[in-house]
């Protein structure tokens, strides 16, 4: 993810966290500390779903995207209900995630989510 965002440009990595607890602590210590959160659902401990919900609460103006191999339609809908703005399956939508991030970096509205 770091390489992808570096290639696009316009992003500074604020943190890379491996567990739900680490992410929750970071969000508590850095309210509104990010403009974009890219969350995987499978973490070393805990789940990305908890991170999505905590991020939406701690940083209401942030864009939250889920990028995961486990983004089935049901999981996708659940992530959206928790506050994610977009959900991208890793195996299918790397280009869609790249387009989304490039639009944000350029100050443009990101592409609309495609219904699945």
PDB file of N, CA and C in Angstrom:
ATOM      1  N   UNK A   1       0.824  -1.176   0.000  1.00  0.00           N
ATOM      2  CA  UNK A   1       0.000   0.000   0.000  1.00  0.00           C
ATOM      3  C   UNK A   1       0.879   1.255   0.000  1.00  0.00           C
ATOM      4  N   UNK A   2       1.927   1.221   0.787  1.00  0.00           N
ATOM      5  CA  UNK A   2       2.849   2.361   0.835  1.00  0.00           C
ATOM      6  C   UNK A   2       3.394   2.656  -0.562  1.00  0.00           C
ATOM      7  N   UNK A   3       3.803   1.627  -1.291  1.00  0.00           N
ATOM      8  CA  UNK A   3       4.347   1.820  -2.640  1.00  0.00           C
ATOM      9  C   UNK A   3       3.296   2.377  -3.585  1.00  0.00           C
ATOM     10  N   UNK A   4       2.070   1.872  -3.489  1.00  0.00           N
ATOM     11  CA  UNK A   4       0.988   2.354  -4.342  1.00  0.00           C
ATOM     12  C   UNK A   4       0.736   3.838  -4.103  1.00  0.00           C
ATOM     13  N   UNK A   5       0.619   4.234  -2.842  1.00  0.00           N
ATOM     14  CA  UNK A   5       0.363   5.639  -2.527  1.00  0.00           C
ATOM     15  C   UNK A   5       1.556   6.522  -2.894  1.00  0.00           C
ATOM     16  N   UNK A   6       2.768   5.994  -2.756  1.00  0.00           N
ATOM     17  CA  UNK A   6       3.962   6.748  -3.159  1.00  0.00           C
ATOM     18  C   UNK A   6       3.964   6.975  -4.673  1.00  0.00           C
ATOM     19  N   UNK A   7       3.565   5.961  -5.427  1.00  0.00           N
ATOM     20  CA  UNK A   7       3.511   6.065  -6.890  1.00  0.00           C
ATOM     21  C   UNK A   7       2.496   7.123  -7.322  1.00  0.00           C
ATOM     22  N   UNK A   8       1.356   7.153  -6.664  1.00  0.00           N
ATOM     23  CA  UNK A   8       0.320   8.141  -6.993  1.00  0.00           C
ATOM     24  C   UNK A   8       0.805   9.534  -6.631  1.00  0.00           C
ATOM     25  N   UNK A   9       1.442   9.654  -5.462  1.00  0.00           N
ATOM     26  CA  UNK A   9       1.924  10.947  -4.982  1.00  0.00           C
ATOM     27  C   UNK A   9       0.847  11.693  -4.232  1.00  0.00           C
ATOM     28  N   UNK A  10       1.275  12.671  -3.451  1.00  0.00           N
ATOM     29  CA  UNK A  10       0.330  13.506  -2.723  1.00  0.00           C
ATOM     30  C   UNK A  10      -0.121  12.935  -1.394  1.00  0.00           C
ATOM     31  N   UNK A  11       0.469  11.832  -0.961  1.00  0.00           N
ATOM     32  CA  UNK A  11       0.087  11.208   0.300  1.00  0.00           C
ATOM     33  C   UNK A  11       1.279  11.147   1.237  1.00  0.00           C
ATOM     34  N   UNK A  12       1.030  11.367   2.509  1.00  0.00           N
ATOM     35  CA  UNK A  12       2.012  11.155   3.562  1.00  0.00           C
ATOM     36  C   UNK A  12       1.442  10.069   4.468  1.00  0.00           C
ATOM     37  N   UNK A  13       2.204   9.029   4.693  1.00  0.00           N
ATOM     38  CA  UNK A  13       1.729   7.929   5.529  1.00  0.00           C
ATOM     39  C   UNK A  13       1.784   8.371   6.992  1.00  0.00           C
ATOM     40  N   UNK A  14       0.626   8.386   7.652  1.00  0.00           N
ATOM     41  CA  UNK A  14       0.550   8.801   9.045  1.00  0.00           C
ATOM     42  C   UNK A  14       0.781   7.633   9.993  1.00  0.00           C
ATOM     43  N   UNK A  15       0.486   6.434   9.546  1.00  0.00           N
ATOM     44  CA  UNK A  15       0.682   5.265  10.396  1.00  0.00           C
ATOM     45  C   UNK A  15       0.383   3.990   9.649  1.00  0.00           C
ATOM     46  N   UNK A  16       1.045   2.928  10.071  1.00  0.00           N
ATOM     47  CA  UNK A  16       0.795   1.584   9.559  1.00  0.00           C
ATOM     48  C   UNK A  16       0.658   0.693  10.781  1.00  0.00           C
ATOM     49  N   UNK A  17      -0.515   0.151  10.969  1.00  0.00           N
ATOM     50  CA  UNK A  17      -0.814  -0.578  12.193  1.00  0.00           C
ATOM     51  C   UNK A  17      -1.271  -1.981  11.857  1.00  0.00           C
ATOM     52  N   UNK A  18      -0.932  -2.932  12.720  1.00  0.00           N
ATOM     53  CA  UNK A  18      -1.196  -4.331  12.424  1.00  0.00           C
ATOM     54  C   UNK A  18      -2.350  -4.943  13.200  1.00  0.00           C
ATOM     55  N   UNK A  19      -2.811  -4.256  14.248  1.00  0.00           N
ATOM     56  CA  UNK A  19      -3.892  -4.821  15.054  1.00  0.00           C
ATOM     57  C   UNK A  19      -5.008  -3.801  15.246  1.00  0.00           C
ATOM     58  N   UNK A  20      -6.167  -4.304  15.580  1.00  0.00           N
ATOM     59  CA  UNK A  20      -7.309  -3.431  15.851  1.00  0.00           C
ATOM     60  C   UNK A  20      -7.021  -2.546  17.060  1.00  0.00           C
ATOM     61  N   UNK A  21      -6.367  -3.102  18.082  1.00  0.00           N
ATOM     62  CA  UNK A  21      -6.056  -2.331  19.285  1.00  0.00           C
ATOM     63  C   UNK A  21      -5.073  -1.195  18.975  1.00  0.00           C
ATOM     64  N   UNK A  22      -4.048  -1.476  18.177  1.00  0.00           N
ATOM     65  CA  UNK A  22      -3.094  -0.428  17.793  1.00  0.00           C
ATOM     66  C   UNK A  22      -3.795   0.688  17.030  1.00  0.00           C
ATOM     67  N   UNK A  23      -4.669   0.292  16.118  1.00  0.00           N
ATOM     68  CA  UNK A  23      -5.399   1.290  15.335  1.00  0.00           C
ATOM     69  C   UNK A  23      -6.300   2.134  16.229  1.00  0.00           C
ATOM     70  N   UNK A  24      -6.980   1.483  17.163  1.00  0.00           N
ATOM     71  CA  UNK A  24      -7.847   2.222  18.075  1.00  0.00           C
ATOM     72  C   UNK A  24      -7.068   3.208  18.928  1.00  0.00           C
ATOM     73  N   UNK A  25      -5.915   2.787  19.422  1.00  0.00           N
ATOM     74  CA  UNK A  25      -5.066   3.672  20.228  1.00  0.00           C
ATOM     75  C   UNK A  25      -4.561   4.842  19.390  1.00  0.00           C
ATOM     76  N   UNK A  26      -4.115   4.557  18.168  1.00  0.00           N
ATOM     77  CA  UNK A  26      -3.628   5.621  17.285  1.00  0.00           C
ATOM     78  C   UNK A  26      -4.739   6.634  17.029  1.00  0.00           C
ATOM     79  N   UNK A  27      -5.931   6.154  16.760  1.00  0.00           N
ATOM     80  CA  UNK A  27      -7.059   7.053  16.499  1.00  0.00           C
ATOM     81  C   UNK A  27      -7.417   7.869  17.738  1.00  0.00           C
ATOM     82  N   UNK A  28      -7.325   7.262  18.913  1.00  0.00           N
ATOM     83  CA  UNK A  28      -7.575   8.007  20.152  1.00  0.00           C
ATOM     84  C   UNK A  28      -6.546   9.117  20.344  1.00  0.00           C
ATOM     85  N   UNK A  29      -5.298   8.824  20.000  1.00  0.00           N
ATOM     86  CA  UNK A  29      -4.209   9.791  20.203  1.00  0.00           C
ATOM     87  C   UNK A  29      -4.108  10.829  19.086  1.00  0.00           C
ATOM     88  N   UNK A  30      -4.719  10.553  17.952  1.00  0.00           N
ATOM     89  CA  UNK A  30      -4.641  11.453  16.793  1.00  0.00           C
ATOM     90  C   UNK A  30      -6.038  11.711  16.221  1.00  0.00           C
ATOM     91  N   UNK A  31      -6.911  12.359  16.990  1.00  0.00           N
ATOM     92  CA  UNK A  31      -8.247  12.621  16.439  1.00  0.00           C
ATOM     93  C   UNK A  31      -8.127  13.453  15.164  1.00  0.00           C
ATOM     94  N   UNK A  32      -8.834  13.063  14.175  1.00  0.00           N
ATOM     95  CA  UNK A  32      -8.749  13.693  12.851  1.00  0.00           C
ATOM     96  C   UNK A  32      -7.324  13.699  12.324  1.00  0.00           C
ATOM     97  N   UNK A  33      -6.562  12.646  12.638  1.00  0.00           N
ATOM     98  CA  UNK A  33      -5.160  12.560  12.232  1.00  0.00           C
ATOM     99  C   UNK A  33      -4.943  12.016  10.842  1.00  0.00           C
ATOM    100  N   UNK A  34      -6.026  11.716  10.128  1.00  0.00           N
ATOM    101  CA  UNK A  34      -5.846  11.212   8.759  1.00  0.00           C
ATOM    102  C   UNK A  34      -6.995  11.695   7.878  1.00  0.00           C
ATOM    103  N   UNK A  35      -6.690  11.794   6.604  1.00  0.00           N
ATOM    104  CA  UNK A  35      -7.701  12.146   5.607  1.00  0.00           C
ATOM    105  C   UNK A  35      -8.196  10.904   4.873  1.00  0.00           C
ATOM    106  N   UNK A  36      -7.353   9.866   4.845  1.00  0.00           N
ATOM    107  CA  UNK A  36      -7.682   8.613   4.158  1.00  0.00           C
ATOM    108  C   UNK A  36      -7.182   7.454   5.004  1.00  0.00           C
ATOM    109  N   UNK A  37      -8.076   6.526   5.292  1.00  0.00           N
ATOM    110  CA  UNK A  37      -7.695   5.289   5.976  1.00  0.00           C
ATOM    111  C   UNK A  37      -7.954   4.136   5.018  1.00  0.00           C
ATOM    112  N   UNK A  38      -6.925   3.337   4.785  1.00  0.00           N
ATOM    113  CA  UNK A  38      -7.067   2.130   3.967  1.00  0.00           C
ATOM    114  C   UNK A  38      -6.976   0.960   4.937  1.00  0.00           C
ATOM    115  N   UNK A  39      -8.050   0.203   5.021  1.00  0.00           N
ATOM    116  CA  UNK A  39      -8.180  -0.829   6.051  1.00  0.00           C
ATOM    117  C   UNK A  39      -8.329  -2.196   5.411  1.00  0.00           C
ATOM    118  N   UNK A  40      -7.517  -3.142   5.879  1.00  0.00           N
ATOM    119  CA  UNK A  40      -7.697  -4.549   5.508  1.00  0.00           C
ATOM    120  C   UNK A  40      -8.586  -5.171   6.575  1.00  0.00           C
ATOM    121  N   UNK A  41      -9.356  -6.164   6.222  1.00  0.00           N
ATOM    122  CA  UNK A  41     -10.241  -6.784   7.195  1.00  0.00           C
ATOM    123  C   UNK A  41      -9.525  -7.799   8.076  1.00  0.00           C
ATOM    124  N   UNK A  42      -8.467  -8.399   7.559  1.00  0.00           N
ATOM    125  CA  UNK A  42      -7.730  -9.408   8.308  1.00  0.00           C
ATOM    126  C   UNK A  42      -6.493  -8.751   8.907  1.00  0.00           C
ATOM    127  N   UNK A  43      -6.435  -8.710  10.220  1.00  0.00           N
ATOM    128  CA  UNK A  43      -5.332  -8.088  10.939  1.00  0.00           C
ATOM    129  C   UNK A  43      -4.617  -9.144  11.774  1.00  0.00           C
ATOM    130  N   UNK A  44      -3.450  -8.788  12.294  1.00  0.00           N
ATOM    131  CA  UNK A  44      -2.711  -9.713  13.146  1.00  0.00           C
ATOM    132  C   UNK A  44      -3.519 -10.051  14.400  1.00  0.00           C
ATOM    133  N   UNK A  45      -4.350  -9.104  14.838  1.00  0.00           N
ATOM    134  CA  UNK A  45      -5.225  -9.311  15.986  1.00  0.00           C
ATOM    135  C   UNK A  45      -6.423  -8.396  15.834  1.00  0.00           C
ATOM    136  N   UNK A  46      -7.615  -8.923  16.062  1.00  0.00           N
ATOM    137  CA  UNK A  46      -8.824  -8.137  15.868  1.00  0.00           C
ATOM    138  C   UNK A  46      -9.245  -8.151  14.408  1.00  0.00           C
ATOM    139  N   UNK A  47     -10.155  -7.231  14.075  1.00  0.00           N
ATOM    140  CA  UNK A  47     -10.643  -7.183  12.693  1.00  0.00           C
ATOM    141  C   UNK A  47     -10.634  -5.758  12.164  1.00  0.00           C
ATOM    142  N   UNK A  48     -10.581  -5.661  10.858  1.00  0.00           N
ATOM    143  CA  UNK A  48     -10.658  -4.366  10.221  1.00  0.00           C
ATOM    144  C   UNK A  48     -12.021  -3.723  10.369  1.00  0.00           C
ATOM    145  N   UNK A  49     -13.052  -4.519  10.587  1.00  0.00           N
ATOM    146  CA  UNK A  49     -14.390  -3.948  10.760  1.00  0.00           C
ATOM    147  C   UNK A  49     -14.435  -3.046  11.985  1.00  0.00           C
ATOM    148  N   UNK A  50     -13.779  -3.475  13.055  1.00  0.00           N
ATOM    149  CA  UNK A  50     -13.701  -2.640  14.247  1.00  0.00           C
ATOM    150  C   UNK A  50     -12.938  -1.358  13.976  1.00  0.00           C
ATOM    151  N   UNK A  51     -11.916  -1.442  13.126  1.00  0.00           N
ATOM    152  CA  UNK A  51     -11.129  -0.263  12.768  1.00  0.00           C
ATOM    153  C   UNK A  51     -11.984   0.706  11.955  1.00  0.00           C
ATOM    154  N   UNK A  52     -12.772   0.184  11.034  1.00  0.00           N
ATOM    155  CA  UNK A  52     -13.648   1.048  10.228  1.00  0.00           C
ATOM    156  C   UNK A  52     -14.598   1.822  11.139  1.00  0.00           C
ATOM    157  N   UNK A  53     -15.256   1.124  12.055  1.00  0.00           N
ATOM    158  CA  UNK A  53     -16.214   1.773  12.951  1.00  0.00           C
ATOM    159  C   UNK A  53     -15.524   2.814  13.831  1.00  0.00           C
ATOM    160  N   UNK A  54     -14.369   2.477  14.377  1.00  0.00           N
ATOM    161  CA  UNK A  54     -13.631   3.404  15.244  1.00  0.00           C
ATOM    162  C   UNK A  54     -13.150   4.611  14.446  1.00  0.00           C
ATOM    163  N   UNK A  55     -12.680   4.379  13.246  1.00  0.00           N
ATOM    164  CA  UNK A  55     -12.195   5.466  12.401  1.00  0.00           C
ATOM    165  C   UNK A  55     -13.333   6.419  12.048  1.00  0.00           C
ATOM    166  N   UNK A  56     -14.482   5.895  11.709  1.00  0.00           N
ATOM    167  CA  UNK A  56     -15.621   6.756  11.363  1.00  0.00           C
ATOM    168  C   UNK A  56     -16.002   7.625  12.558  1.00  0.00           C
ATOM    169  N   UNK A  57     -15.922   7.054  13.752  1.00  0.00           N
ATOM    170  CA  UNK A  57     -16.255   7.798  14.972  1.00  0.00           C
ATOM    171  C   UNK A  57     -15.175   8.839  15.286  1.00  0.00           C
ATOM    172  N   UNK A  58     -13.907   8.457  15.190  1.00  0.00           N
ATOM    173  CA  UNK A  58     -12.802   9.339  15.586  1.00  0.00           C
ATOM    174  C   UNK A  58     -12.473  10.387  14.536  1.00  0.00           C
ATOM    175  N   UNK A  59     -12.666  10.048  13.278  1.00  0.00           N
ATOM    176  CA  UNK A  59     -12.299  10.959  12.184  1.00  0.00           C
ATOM    177  C   UNK A  59     -13.445  11.034  11.183  1.00  0.00           C
ATOM    178  N   UNK A  60     -14.532  11.717  11.551  1.00  0.00           N
ATOM    179  CA  UNK A  60     -15.735  11.704  10.715  1.00  0.00           C
ATOM    180  C   UNK A  60     -15.543  12.234   9.301  1.00  0.00           C
ATOM    181  N   UNK A  61     -14.558  13.088   9.091  1.00  0.00           N
ATOM    182  CA  UNK A  61     -14.363  13.637   7.749  1.00  0.00           C
ATOM    183  C   UNK A  61     -13.398  12.820   6.897  1.00  0.00           C
ATOM    184  N   UNK A  62     -12.762  11.811   7.475  1.00  0.00           N
ATOM    185  CA  UNK A  62     -11.803  10.994   6.729  1.00  0.00           C
ATOM    186  C   UNK A  62     -12.518  10.113   5.706  1.00  0.00           C
ATOM    187  N   UNK A  63     -11.829   9.845   4.628  1.00  0.00           N
ATOM    188  CA  UNK A  63     -12.289   8.826   3.671  1.00  0.00           C
ATOM    189  C   UNK A  63     -11.795   7.496   4.208  1.00  0.00           C
ATOM    190  N   UNK A  64     -12.684   6.522   4.250  1.00  0.00           N
ATOM    191  CA  UNK A  64     -12.330   5.198   4.752  1.00  0.00           C
ATOM    192  C   UNK A  64     -12.603   4.191   3.655  1.00  0.00           C
ATOM    193  N   UNK A  65     -11.562   3.492   3.252  1.00  0.00           N
ATOM    194  CA  UNK A  65     -11.726   2.449   2.240  1.00  0.00           C
ATOM    195  C   UNK A  65     -11.249   1.121   2.808  1.00  0.00           C
ATOM    196  N   UNK A  66     -11.959   0.094   2.465  1.00  0.00           N
ATOM    197  CA  UNK A  66     -11.583  -1.262   2.827  1.00  0.00           C
ATOM    198  C   UNK A  66     -10.978  -1.887   1.583  1.00  0.00           C
ATOM    199  N   UNK A  67      -9.813  -2.499   1.754  1.00  0.00           N
ATOM    200  CA  UNK A  67      -9.100  -3.166   0.668  1.00  0.00           C
ATOM    201  C   UNK A  67      -8.744  -4.551   1.172  1.00  0.00           C
ATOM    202  N   UNK A  68      -9.515  -5.553   0.760  1.00  0.00           N
ATOM    203  CA  UNK A  68      -9.386  -6.871   1.365  1.00  0.00           C
ATOM    204  C   UNK A  68      -9.758  -7.977   0.393  1.00  0.00           C
ATOM    205  N   UNK A  69      -9.121  -9.128   0.583  1.00  0.00           N
ATOM    206  CA  UNK A  69      -9.473 -10.310  -0.191  1.00  0.00           C
ATOM    207  C   UNK A  69     -10.831 -10.874   0.226  1.00  0.00           C
ATOM    208  N   UNK A  70     -11.353 -10.429   1.345  1.00  0.00           N
ATOM    209  CA  UNK A  70     -12.581 -10.983   1.893  1.00  0.00           C
ATOM    210  C   UNK A  70     -13.777 -10.057   1.702  1.00  0.00           C
ATOM    211  N   UNK A  71     -13.729  -9.231   0.692  1.00  0.00           N
ATOM    212  CA  UNK A  71     -14.799  -8.254   0.454  1.00  0.00           C
ATOM    213  C   UNK A  71     -15.926  -8.875  -0.368  1.00  0.00           C
ATOM    214  N   UNK A  72     -16.620  -9.833   0.220  1.00  0.00           N
ATOM    215  CA  UNK A  72     -17.787 -10.430  -0.429  1.00  0.00           C
ATOM    216  C   UNK A  72     -18.926  -9.407  -0.407  1.00  0.00           C
ATOM    217  N   UNK A  73     -19.978  -9.614  -1.172  1.00  0.00           N
ATOM    218  CA  UNK A  73     -21.083  -8.656  -1.143  1.00  0.00           C
ATOM    219  C   UNK A  73     -21.653  -8.417   0.263  1.00  0.00           C
ATOM    220  N   UNK A  74     -21.814  -9.460   1.058  1.00  0.00           N
ATOM    221  CA  UNK A  74     -22.332  -9.290   2.414  1.00  0.00           C
ATOM    222  C   UNK A  74     -21.372  -8.515   3.308  1.00  0.00           C
ATOM    223  N   UNK A  75     -20.098  -8.825   3.224  1.00  0.00           N
ATOM    224  CA  UNK A  75     -19.078  -8.115   4.003  1.00  0.00           C
ATOM    225  C   UNK A  75     -19.002  -6.672   3.539  1.00  0.00           C
ATOM    226  N   UNK A  76     -19.086  -6.474   2.244  1.00  0.00           N
ATOM    227  CA  UNK A  76     -19.055  -5.117   1.673  1.00  0.00           C
ATOM    228  C   UNK A  76     -20.177  -4.272   2.263  1.00  0.00           C
ATOM    229  N   UNK A  77     -21.388  -4.801   2.261  1.00  0.00           N
ATOM    230  CA  UNK A  77     -22.536  -4.062   2.793  1.00  0.00           C
ATOM    231  C   UNK A  77     -22.360  -3.763   4.276  1.00  0.00           C
ATOM    232  N   UNK A  78     -21.815  -4.713   5.014  1.00  0.00           N
ATOM    233  CA  UNK A  78     -21.589  -4.503   6.442  1.00  0.00           C
ATOM    234  C   UNK A  78     -20.557  -3.390   6.667  1.00  0.00           C
ATOM    235  N   UNK A  79     -19.490  -3.402   5.892  1.00  0.00           N
ATOM    236  CA  UNK A  79     -18.462  -2.359   6.010  1.00  0.00           C
ATOM    237  C   UNK A  79     -19.044  -0.977   5.696  1.00  0.00           C
ATOM    238  N   UNK A  80     -19.901  -0.905   4.705  1.00  0.00           N
ATOM    239  CA  UNK A  80     -20.543   0.367   4.367  1.00  0.00           C
ATOM    240  C   UNK A  80     -21.434   0.841   5.507  1.00  0.00           C
ATOM    241  N   UNK A  81     -22.159  -0.073   6.136  1.00  0.00           N
ATOM    242  CA  UNK A  81     -22.997   0.292   7.287  1.00  0.00           C
ATOM    243  C   UNK A  81     -22.146   0.773   8.463  1.00  0.00           C
ATOM    244  N   UNK A  82     -20.939   0.238   8.596  1.00  0.00           N
ATOM    245  CA  UNK A  82     -20.040   0.650   9.681  1.00  0.00           C
ATOM    246  C   UNK A  82     -19.410   2.015   9.420  1.00  0.00           C
ATOM    247  N   UNK A  83     -19.464   2.471   8.162  1.00  0.00           N
ATOM    248  CA  UNK A  83     -18.931   3.794   7.855  1.00  0.00           C
ATOM    249  C   UNK A  83     -17.899   3.857   6.754  1.00  0.00           C
ATOM    250  N   UNK A  84     -17.574   2.737   6.132  1.00  0.00           N
ATOM    251  CA  UNK A  84     -16.632   2.771   5.011  1.00  0.00           C
ATOM    252  C   UNK A  84     -17.250   3.545   3.849  1.00  0.00           C
ATOM    253  N   UNK A  85     -16.390   4.266   3.125  1.00  0.00           N
ATOM    254  CA  UNK A  85     -16.853   4.992   1.939  1.00  0.00           C
ATOM    255  C   UNK A  85     -16.818   4.110   0.696  1.00  0.00           C
ATOM    256  N   UNK A  86     -15.844   3.221   0.651  1.00  0.00           N
ATOM    257  CA  UNK A  86     -15.678   2.327  -0.487  1.00  0.00           C
ATOM    258  C   UNK A  86     -15.110   1.009   0.008  1.00  0.00           C
ATOM    259  N   UNK A  87     -15.371  -0.055  -0.747  1.00  0.00           N
ATOM    260  CA  UNK A  87     -14.824  -1.377  -0.454  1.00  0.00           C
ATOM    261  C   UNK A  87     -14.283  -1.936  -1.761  1.00  0.00           C
ATOM    262  N   UNK A  88     -12.994  -2.302  -1.733  1.00  0.00           N
ATOM    263  CA  UNK A  88     -12.328  -2.820  -2.922  1.00  0.00           C
ATOM    264  C   UNK A  88     -11.779  -4.208  -2.648  1.00  0.00           C
ATOM    265  N   UNK A  89     -12.210  -5.216  -3.425  1.00  0.00           N
ATOM    266  CA  UNK A  89     -11.581  -6.531  -3.302  1.00  0.00           C
ATOM    267  C   UNK A  89     -10.154  -6.478  -3.862  1.00  0.00           C
ATOM    268  N   UNK A  90      -9.183  -6.956  -3.094  1.00  0.00           N
ATOM    269  CA  UNK A  90      -7.780  -6.916  -3.536  1.00  0.00           C
ATOM    270  C   UNK A  90      -7.577  -7.640  -4.859  1.00  0.00           C
ATOM    271  N   UNK A  91      -8.207  -8.785  -5.009  1.00  0.00           N
ATOM    272  CA  UNK A  91      -7.962  -9.602  -6.192  1.00  0.00           C
ATOM    273  C   UNK A  91      -8.612  -9.048  -7.451  1.00  0.00           C
ATOM    274  N   UNK A  92      -9.531  -8.095  -7.312  1.00  0.00           N
ATOM    275  CA  UNK A  92     -10.268  -7.616  -8.479  1.00  0.00           C
ATOM    276  C   UNK A  92     -10.108  -6.125  -8.766  1.00  0.00           C
ATOM    277  N   UNK A  93      -9.924  -5.312  -7.746  1.00  0.00           N
ATOM    278  CA  UNK A  93     -10.091  -3.875  -7.937  1.00  0.00           C
ATOM    279  C   UNK A  93      -8.887  -3.016  -7.565  1.00  0.00           C
ATOM    280  N   UNK A  94      -7.675  -3.479  -7.855  1.00  0.00           N
ATOM    281  CA  UNK A  94      -6.504  -2.647  -7.568  1.00  0.00           C
ATOM    282  C   UNK A  94      -6.564  -1.363  -8.396  1.00  0.00           C
ATOM    283  N   UNK A  95      -6.971  -1.471  -9.639  1.00  0.00           N
ATOM    284  CA  UNK A  95      -7.067  -0.280 -10.489  1.00  0.00           C
ATOM    285  C   UNK A  95      -8.136   0.679  -9.978  1.00  0.00           C
ATOM    286  N   UNK A  96      -9.242   0.158  -9.482  1.00  0.00           N
ATOM    287  CA  UNK A  96     -10.298   1.021  -8.940  1.00  0.00           C
ATOM    288  C   UNK A  96      -9.796   1.740  -7.692  1.00  0.00           C
ATOM    289  N   UNK A  97      -9.045   1.038  -6.845  1.00  0.00           N
ATOM    290  CA  UNK A  97      -8.465   1.688  -5.664  1.00  0.00           C
ATOM    291  C   UNK A  97      -7.467   2.757  -6.085  1.00  0.00           C
ATOM    292  N   UNK A  98      -6.651   2.463  -7.073  1.00  0.00           N
ATOM    293  CA  UNK A  98      -5.677   3.437  -7.583  1.00  0.00           C
ATOM    294  C   UNK A  98      -6.395   4.673  -8.118  1.00  0.00           C
ATOM    295  N   UNK A  99      -7.442   4.484  -8.893  1.00  0.00           N
ATOM    296  CA  UNK A  99      -8.212   5.614  -9.431  1.00  0.00           C
ATOM    297  C   UNK A  99      -8.826   6.440  -8.306  1.00  0.00           C
ATOM    298  N   UNK A 100      -9.348   5.766  -7.298  1.00  0.00           N
ATOM    299  CA  UNK A 100      -9.963   6.436  -6.151  1.00  0.00           C
ATOM    300  C   UNK A 100      -8.927   7.311  -5.443  1.00  0.00           C
ATOM    301  N   UNK A 101      -7.772   6.741  -5.145  1.00  0.00           N
ATOM    302  CA  UNK A 101      -6.718   7.478  -4.431  1.00  0.00           C
ATOM    303  C   UNK A 101      -6.153   8.606  -5.296  1.00  0.00           C
ATOM    304  N   UNK A 102      -6.005   8.370  -6.590  1.00  0.00           N
ATOM    305  CA  UNK A 102      -5.491   9.409  -7.487  1.00  0.00           C
ATOM    306  C   UNK A 102      -6.446  10.595  -7.538  1.00  0.00           C
ATOM    307  N   UNK A 103      -7.735  10.329  -7.556  1.00  0.00           N
ATOM    308  CA  UNK A 103      -8.716  11.420  -7.546  1.00  0.00           C
ATOM    309  C   UNK A 103      -8.615  12.218  -6.253  1.00  0.00           C
ATOM    310  N   UNK A 104      -8.484  11.540  -5.123  1.00  0.00           N
ATOM    311  CA  UNK A 104      -8.327  12.240  -3.846  1.00  0.00           C
ATOM    312  C   UNK A 104      -7.063  13.100  -3.843  1.00  0.00           C
ATOM    313  N   UNK A 105      -5.956  12.535  -4.337  1.00  0.00           N
ATOM    314  CA  UNK A 105      -4.689  13.267  -4.361  1.00  0.00           C
ATOM    315  C   UNK A 105      -4.780  14.502  -5.245  1.00  0.00           C
ATOM    316  N   UNK A 106      -5.599  14.432  -6.291  1.00  0.00           N
ATOM    317  CA  UNK A 106      -5.761  15.554  -7.211  1.00  0.00           C
ATOM    318  C   UNK A 106      -6.819  16.545  -6.729  1.00  0.00           C
ATOM    319  N   UNK A 107      -7.420  16.280  -5.576  1.00  0.00           N
ATOM    320  CA  UNK A 107      -8.443  17.177  -5.049  1.00  0.00           C
ATOM    321  C   UNK A 107      -9.784  17.038  -5.740  1.00  0.00           C
ATOM    322  N   UNK A 108      -9.984  15.923  -6.405  1.00  0.00           N
ATOM    323  CA  UNK A 108     -11.236  15.683  -7.125  1.00  0.00           C
ATOM    324  C   UNK A 108     -12.124  14.746  -6.317  1.00  0.00           C
ATOM    325  N   UNK A 109     -13.383  14.738  -6.653  1.00  0.00           N
ATOM    326  CA  UNK A 109     -14.292  13.769  -6.049  1.00  0.00           C
ATOM    327  C   UNK A 109     -13.893  12.384  -6.536  1.00  0.00           C
ATOM    328  N   UNK A 110     -13.828  11.414  -5.630  1.00  0.00           N
ATOM    329  CA  UNK A 110     -13.471  10.062  -6.075  1.00  0.00           C
ATOM    330  C   UNK A 110     -14.570   9.480  -6.950  1.00  0.00           C
ATOM    331  N   UNK A 111     -14.202   8.502  -7.769  1.00  0.00           N
ATOM    332  CA  UNK A 111     -15.215   7.855  -8.617  1.00  0.00           C
ATOM    333  C   UNK A 111     -16.310   7.237  -7.737  1.00  0.00           C
ATOM    334  N   UNK A 112     -17.554   7.247  -8.229  1.00  0.00           N
ATOM    335  CA  UNK A 112     -18.633   6.658  -7.430  1.00  0.00           C
ATOM    336  C   UNK A 112     -18.445   5.152  -7.284  1.00  0.00           C
ATOM    337  N   UNK A 113     -19.005   4.615  -6.216  1.00  0.00           N
ATOM    338  CA  UNK A 113     -18.897   3.188  -5.979  1.00  0.00           C
ATOM    339  C   UNK A 113     -19.791   2.465  -6.974  1.00  0.00           C
ATOM    340  N   UNK A 114     -19.250   1.397  -7.515  1.00  0.00           N
ATOM    341  CA  UNK A 114     -19.998   0.579  -8.449  1.00  0.00           C
ATOM    342  C   UNK A 114     -20.732  -0.488  -7.659  1.00  0.00           C
ATOM    343  N   UNK A 115     -22.036  -0.593  -7.873  1.00  0.00           N
ATOM    344  CA  UNK A 115     -22.840  -1.598  -7.171  1.00  0.00           C
ATOM    345  C   UNK A 115     -22.416  -2.981  -7.601  1.00  0.00           C
ATOM    346  N   UNK A 116     -22.382  -3.895  -6.626  1.00  0.00           N
ATOM    347  CA  UNK A 116     -22.020  -5.282  -6.937  1.00  0.00           C
ATOM    348  C   UNK A 116     -23.172  -6.182  -6.641  1.00  0.00           C
TER     349      UNK A 116
END
